[in-house]
Amino acid sequence: SYRQRHDRPIEMPELYNIASLVVLPSESEGRGLPIIESAACGVPILTRRYEPEAMFAAVIGEDLASEDRLDVMSFSGWRLEPDIVAAARDCLLAPERLTDMNRHNRDVVQRRFGLQELAHDLEGFLRRLHHQMGSGKSAAAKATSALDRFDARTSGAGPSLAKLLAAGREYLPGF
């Protein structure tokens, strides 16, 4: 109904671009898109360390080098630590101090989530899918050949094998 009432309704990028600070207090989040979107627009974000924790850590890039990690203000639980409150206050009252952080976050988003990275990920996915969907004839032929060679080496009964089998043992090639 919002879109029907307005000829040119405000879109998400425009909302991010007029914001001074994005606040994401969610306890759980599917993919963490608000973090990526706000970083791409150069808007600082105050976010709870949501569940699943592994998804939060992956979006932020906690296991990556600092040049590939998003710079966000994060908190756990319901209480905000004084340093987080001070950082949020500075975002609102002195946004010019955050230009380096905002530029850093934009660069990180471009490197990690940009079209080139998406194309690279899709190409890898499609290669794996193609490999899995292939007939596998060459792999089956190699396996058959290897098993035939193995059988030729192990099927010949030599004198030492006859002595072992004479003791009432059973011979299973490969075991």
C-alpha atoms as a PDB file:
ATOM      1  CA  SER A   1       0.000   0.000   0.000  1.00  0.00           C
ATOM      2  CA  TYR A   2       2.948   2.345   0.661  1.00  0.00           C
ATOM      3  CA  ARG A   3       4.227   1.931  -2.882  1.00  0.00           C
ATOM      4  CA  GLN A   4       0.749   2.446  -4.351  1.00  0.00           C
ATOM      5  CA  ARG A   5       0.254   5.730  -2.488  1.00  0.00           C
ATOM      6  CA  HIS A   6       3.509   7.286  -3.743  1.00  0.00           C
ATOM      7  CA  ASP A   7       4.726   7.876  -7.264  1.00  0.00           C
ATOM      8  CA  ARG A   8       8.373   7.552  -6.233  1.00  0.00           C
ATOM      9  CA  PRO A   9       8.532   5.730  -2.902  1.00  0.00           C
ATOM     10  CA  ILE A  10      11.752   5.738  -0.936  1.00  0.00           C
ATOM     11  CA  GLU A  11      13.792   2.557  -1.481  1.00  0.00           C
ATOM     12  CA  MET A  12      16.136   0.820   0.961  1.00  0.00           C
ATOM     13  CA  PRO A  13      19.371   2.399  -0.372  1.00  0.00           C
ATOM     14  CA  GLU A  14      17.878   5.853   0.057  1.00  0.00           C
ATOM     15  CA  LEU A  15      16.868   5.053   3.633  1.00  0.00           C
ATOM     16  CA  TYR A  16      20.397   3.899   4.420  1.00  0.00           C
ATOM     17  CA  ASN A  17      21.877   6.963   2.745  1.00  0.00           C
ATOM     18  CA  ILE A  18      19.901   9.414   4.913  1.00  0.00           C
ATOM     19  CA  ALA A  19      20.651   7.509   8.131  1.00  0.00           C
ATOM     20  CA  SER A  20      23.341   8.594  10.590  1.00  0.00           C
ATOM     21  CA  LEU A  21      23.362   5.259  12.368  1.00  0.00           C
ATOM     22  CA  VAL A  22      21.748   1.884  11.705  1.00  0.00           C
ATOM     23  CA  VAL A  23      20.637  -0.050  14.791  1.00  0.00           C
ATOM     24  CA  LEU A  24      20.131  -3.809  14.521  1.00  0.00           C
ATOM     25  CA  PRO A  25      18.977  -5.138  17.916  1.00  0.00           C
ATOM     26  CA  SER A  26      17.806  -8.500  16.514  1.00  0.00           C
ATOM     27  CA  GLU A  27      18.423 -11.602  18.596  1.00  0.00           C
ATOM     28  CA  SER A  28      18.511 -13.692  15.420  1.00  0.00           C
ATOM     29  CA  GLU A  29      19.143 -12.849  11.811  1.00  0.00           C
ATOM     30  CA  GLY A  30      19.042 -14.939   8.679  1.00  0.00           C
ATOM     31  CA  ARG A  31      21.971 -13.662   6.656  1.00  0.00           C
ATOM     32  CA  GLY A  32      23.064 -10.368   8.196  1.00  0.00           C
ATOM     33  CA  LEU A  33      22.094  -8.269   5.190  1.00  0.00           C
ATOM     34  CA  PRO A  34      21.456  -5.084   7.222  1.00  0.00           C
ATOM     35  CA  ILE A  35      25.125  -5.119   8.275  1.00  0.00           C
ATOM     36  CA  ILE A  36      26.325  -5.540   4.695  1.00  0.00           C
ATOM     37  CA  GLU A  37      23.856  -2.972   3.345  1.00  0.00           C
ATOM     38  CA  SER A  38      24.721  -0.308   5.908  1.00  0.00           C
ATOM     39  CA  ALA A  39      28.451  -0.898   5.392  1.00  0.00           C
ATOM     40  CA  ALA A  40      28.007  -0.645   1.616  1.00  0.00           C
ATOM     41  CA  CYS A  41      26.269   2.711   2.077  1.00  0.00           C
ATOM     42  CA  GLY A  42      28.953   3.923   4.478  1.00  0.00           C
ATOM     43  CA  VAL A  43      26.623   4.127   7.463  1.00  0.00           C
ATOM     44  CA  PRO A  44      27.878   2.996  10.885  1.00  0.00           C
ATOM     45  CA  ILE A  45      25.944   0.156  12.497  1.00  0.00           C
ATOM     46  CA  LEU A  46      25.220  -0.725  16.094  1.00  0.00           C
ATOM     47  CA  THR A  47      24.321  -4.393  16.198  1.00  0.00           C
ATOM     48  CA  ARG A  48      23.680  -7.160  18.656  1.00  0.00           C
ATOM     49  CA  ARG A  49      25.821 -10.266  18.204  1.00  0.00           C
ATOM     50  CA  TYR A  50      22.834 -12.199  16.906  1.00  0.00           C
ATOM     51  CA  GLU A  51      22.215 -15.926  16.549  1.00  0.00           C
ATOM     52  CA  PRO A  52      23.434 -17.932  14.819  1.00  0.00           C
ATOM     53  CA  GLU A  53      26.744 -16.667  16.172  1.00  0.00           C
ATOM     54  CA  ALA A  54      28.672 -18.323  13.322  1.00  0.00           C
ATOM     55  CA  MET A  55      26.674 -16.305  10.770  1.00  0.00           C
ATOM     56  CA  PHE A  56      27.381 -13.056  12.614  1.00  0.00           C
ATOM     57  CA  ALA A  57      31.104 -13.874  12.773  1.00  0.00           C
ATOM     58  CA  ALA A  58      31.157 -14.773   9.058  1.00  0.00           C
ATOM     59  CA  VAL A  59      29.394 -11.566   7.980  1.00  0.00           C
ATOM     60  CA  ILE A  60      31.707  -9.415  10.068  1.00  0.00           C
ATOM     61  CA  GLY A  61      34.721 -11.459   8.955  1.00  0.00           C
ATOM     62  CA  GLU A  62      36.035 -12.061  12.443  1.00  0.00           C
ATOM     63  CA  ASP A  63      38.404 -14.771  11.215  1.00  0.00           C
ATOM     64  CA  LEU A  64      39.816 -12.519   8.465  1.00  0.00           C
ATOM     65  CA  ALA A  65      42.627  -9.996   8.472  1.00  0.00           C
ATOM     66  CA  SER A  66      41.661  -6.520   9.699  1.00  0.00           C
ATOM     67  CA  GLU A  67      41.607  -5.107   6.159  1.00  0.00           C
ATOM     68  CA  ASP A  68      38.851  -7.602   5.254  1.00  0.00           C
ATOM     69  CA  ARG A  69      36.853  -7.328   8.498  1.00  0.00           C
ATOM     70  CA  LEU A  70      33.839  -5.020   8.802  1.00  0.00           C
ATOM     71  CA  ASP A  71      34.157  -2.388  11.515  1.00  0.00           C
ATOM     72  CA  VAL A  72      30.895  -2.411  13.504  1.00  0.00           C
ATOM     73  CA  MET A  73      29.781  -1.552  17.020  1.00  0.00           C
ATOM     74  CA  SER A  74      28.541  -4.813  18.500  1.00  0.00           C
ATOM     75  CA  PHE A  75      27.113  -5.805  21.849  1.00  0.00           C
ATOM     76  CA  SER A  76      25.770  -8.930  23.543  1.00  0.00           C
ATOM     77  CA  GLY A  77      22.751  -9.273  25.785  1.00  0.00           C
ATOM     78  CA  TRP A  78      20.590  -6.318  26.739  1.00  0.00           C
ATOM     79  CA  ARG A  79      23.114  -3.954  28.294  1.00  0.00           C
ATOM     80  CA  LEU A  80      25.212  -1.562  26.271  1.00  0.00           C
ATOM     81  CA  GLU A  81      28.727  -1.058  27.597  1.00  0.00           C
ATOM     82  CA  PRO A  82      29.803   2.576  28.126  1.00  0.00           C
ATOM     83  CA  ASP A  83      32.309   2.429  25.240  1.00  0.00           C
ATOM     84  CA  ILE A  84      29.548   1.304  22.842  1.00  0.00           C
ATOM     85  CA  VAL A  85      27.277   4.133  24.025  1.00  0.00           C
ATOM     86  CA  ALA A  86      30.137   6.613  23.515  1.00  0.00           C
ATOM     87  CA  ALA A  87      30.819   5.278  20.012  1.00  0.00           C
ATOM     88  CA  ALA A  88      27.122   5.539  19.084  1.00  0.00           C
ATOM     89  CA  ARG A  89      27.010   9.074  20.489  1.00  0.00           C
ATOM     90  CA  ASP A  90      30.039  10.035  18.375  1.00  0.00           C
ATOM     91  CA  CYS A  91      28.329   8.636  15.271  1.00  0.00           C
ATOM     92  CA  LEU A  92      25.391  10.927  15.847  1.00  0.00           C
ATOM     93  CA  LEU A  93      27.202  14.039  17.085  1.00  0.00           C
ATOM     94  CA  ALA A  94      30.491  13.903  15.171  1.00  0.00           C
ATOM     95  CA  PRO A  95      29.971  11.801  12.026  1.00  0.00           C
ATOM     96  CA  GLU A  96      32.939  13.447  10.281  1.00  0.00           C
ATOM     97  CA  ARG A  97      35.247  11.422  12.554  1.00  0.00           C
ATOM     98  CA  LEU A  98      33.991   8.203  10.986  1.00  0.00           C
ATOM     99  CA  THR A  99      34.948   8.809   7.353  1.00  0.00           C
ATOM    100  CA  ASP A 100      37.905   6.382   7.511  1.00  0.00           C
ATOM    101  CA  MET A 101      35.744   3.655   9.065  1.00  0.00           C
ATOM    102  CA  ASN A 102      32.966   4.216   6.531  1.00  0.00           C
ATOM    103  CA  ARG A 103      35.422   4.123   3.612  1.00  0.00           C
ATOM    104  CA  HIS A 104      37.010   0.970   5.043  1.00  0.00           C
ATOM    105  CA  ASN A 105      33.607  -0.756   5.340  1.00  0.00           C
ATOM    106  CA  ARG A 106      32.642   0.197   1.774  1.00  0.00           C
ATOM    107  CA  ASP A 107      35.916  -1.242   0.486  1.00  0.00           C
ATOM    108  CA  VAL A 108      35.439  -4.448   2.490  1.00  0.00           C
ATOM    109  CA  VAL A 109      31.916  -4.926   1.141  1.00  0.00           C
ATOM    110  CA  GLN A 110      33.130  -4.356  -2.407  1.00  0.00           C
ATOM    111  CA  ARG A 111      35.920  -6.935  -2.016  1.00  0.00           C
ATOM    112  CA  ARG A 112      33.986  -9.579  -0.096  1.00  0.00           C
ATOM    113  CA  PHE A 113      30.427  -9.170  -1.356  1.00  0.00           C
ATOM    114  CA  GLY A 114      30.775  -7.370  -4.702  1.00  0.00           C
ATOM    115  CA  LEU A 115      29.777  -8.646  -8.114  1.00  0.00           C
ATOM    116  CA  GLN A 116      33.221 -10.085  -8.865  1.00  0.00           C
ATOM    117  CA  GLU A 117      33.198 -12.134  -5.665  1.00  0.00           C
ATOM    118  CA  LEU A 118      29.635 -13.259  -6.374  1.00  0.00           C
ATOM    119  CA  ALA A 119      30.626 -14.300  -9.907  1.00  0.00           C
ATOM    120  CA  HIS A 120      33.631 -16.199  -8.532  1.00  0.00           C
ATOM    121  CA  ASP A 121      31.459 -18.007  -5.960  1.00  0.00           C
ATOM    122  CA  LEU A 122      28.818 -18.847  -8.579  1.00  0.00           C
ATOM    123  CA  GLU A 123      31.464 -20.154 -10.963  1.00  0.00           C
ATOM    124  CA  GLY A 124      32.845 -22.460  -8.260  1.00  0.00           C
ATOM    125  CA  PHE A 125      29.346 -23.634  -7.394  1.00  0.00           C
ATOM    126  CA  LEU A 126      28.508 -24.336 -11.031  1.00  0.00           C
ATOM    127  CA  ARG A 127      31.777 -26.239 -11.533  1.00  0.00           C
ATOM    128  CA  ARG A 128      31.034 -28.451  -8.528  1.00  0.00           C
ATOM    129  CA  LEU A 129      27.463 -28.983  -9.727  1.00  0.00           C
ATOM    130  CA  HIS A 130      28.678 -29.868 -13.237  1.00  0.00           C
ATOM    131  CA  HIS A 131      31.180 -32.319 -11.788  1.00  0.00           C
ATOM    132  CA  GLN A 132      28.520 -33.945  -9.601  1.00  0.00           C
ATOM    133  CA  MET A 133      25.979 -34.143 -12.418  1.00  0.00           C
ATOM    134  CA  GLY A 134      28.477 -35.557 -14.938  1.00  0.00           C
ATOM    135  CA  SER A 135      28.173 -39.154 -16.033  1.00  0.00           C
ATOM    136  CA  GLY A 136      31.329 -40.145 -14.187  1.00  0.00           C
ATOM    137  CA  LYS A 137      32.319 -42.551 -16.996  1.00  0.00           C
ATOM    138  CA  SER A 138      35.975 -41.598 -16.825  1.00  0.00           C
ATOM    139  CA  ALA A 139      36.065 -42.075 -13.061  1.00  0.00           C
ATOM    140  CA  ALA A 140      34.236 -45.399 -13.375  1.00  0.00           C
ATOM    141  CA  ALA A 141      36.637 -46.542 -16.111  1.00  0.00           C
ATOM    142  CA  LYS A 142      39.651 -45.669 -13.957  1.00  0.00           C
ATOM    143  CA  ALA A 143      38.183 -47.503 -10.974  1.00  0.00           C
ATOM    144  CA  THR A 144      37.406 -50.588 -13.066  1.00  0.00           C
ATOM    145  CA  SER A 145      40.924 -50.629 -14.496  1.00  0.00           C
ATOM    146  CA  ALA A 146      42.479 -50.270 -11.045  1.00  0.00           C
ATOM    147  CA  LEU A 147      40.339 -53.098  -9.648  1.00  0.00           C
ATOM    148  CA  ASP A 148      41.262 -55.337 -12.616  1.00  0.00           C
ATOM    149  CA  ARG A 149      44.979 -54.696 -12.031  1.00  0.00           C
ATOM    150  CA  PHE A 150      44.537 -55.358  -8.317  1.00  0.00           C
ATOM    151  CA  ASP A 151      42.690 -58.600  -9.023  1.00  0.00           C
ATOM    152  CA  ALA A 152      45.432 -59.763 -11.429  1.00  0.00           C
ATOM    153  CA  ARG A 153      48.092 -59.228  -8.745  1.00  0.00           C
ATOM    154  CA  THR A 154      46.199 -60.911  -5.936  1.00  0.00           C
ATOM    155  CA  SER A 155      44.485 -63.814  -7.672  1.00  0.00           C
ATOM    156  CA  GLY A 156      47.638 -65.819  -8.403  1.00  0.00           C
ATOM    157  CA  ALA A 157      48.157 -68.432  -5.713  1.00  0.00           C
ATOM    158  CA  GLY A 158      51.837 -68.813  -4.892  1.00  0.00           C
ATOM    159  CA  PRO A 159      53.422 -71.324  -2.523  1.00  0.00           C
ATOM    160  CA  SER A 160      53.277 -68.978   0.466  1.00  0.00           C
ATOM    161  CA  LEU A 161      49.584 -68.326  -0.114  1.00  0.00           C
ATOM    162  CA  ALA A 162      48.871 -72.069  -0.318  1.00  0.00           C
ATOM    163  CA  LYS A 163      50.559 -72.581   3.056  1.00  0.00           C
ATOM    164  CA  LEU A 164      48.452 -69.832   4.639  1.00  0.00           C
ATOM    165  CA  LEU A 165      45.207 -71.135   3.196  1.00  0.00           C
ATOM    166  CA  ALA A 166      46.021 -74.710   4.181  1.00  0.00           C
ATOM    167  CA  ALA A 167      45.788 -73.665   7.820  1.00  0.00           C
ATOM    168  CA  GLY A 168      42.010 -73.157   7.357  1.00  0.00           C
ATOM    169  CA  ARG A 169      42.172 -69.412   6.748  1.00  0.00           C
ATOM    170  CA  GLU A 170      40.135 -67.547   4.237  1.00  0.00           C
ATOM    171  CA  TYR A 171      41.852 -65.150   1.803  1.00  0.00           C
ATOM    172  CA  LEU A 172      40.136 -61.835   1.061  1.00  0.00           C
ATOM    173  CA  PRO A 173      42.147 -59.696  -1.371  1.00  0.00           C
ATOM    174  CA  GLY A 174      42.933 -56.290   0.119  1.00  0.00           C
ATOM    175  CA  PHE A 175      42.407 -57.276   3.775  1.00  0.00           C
END
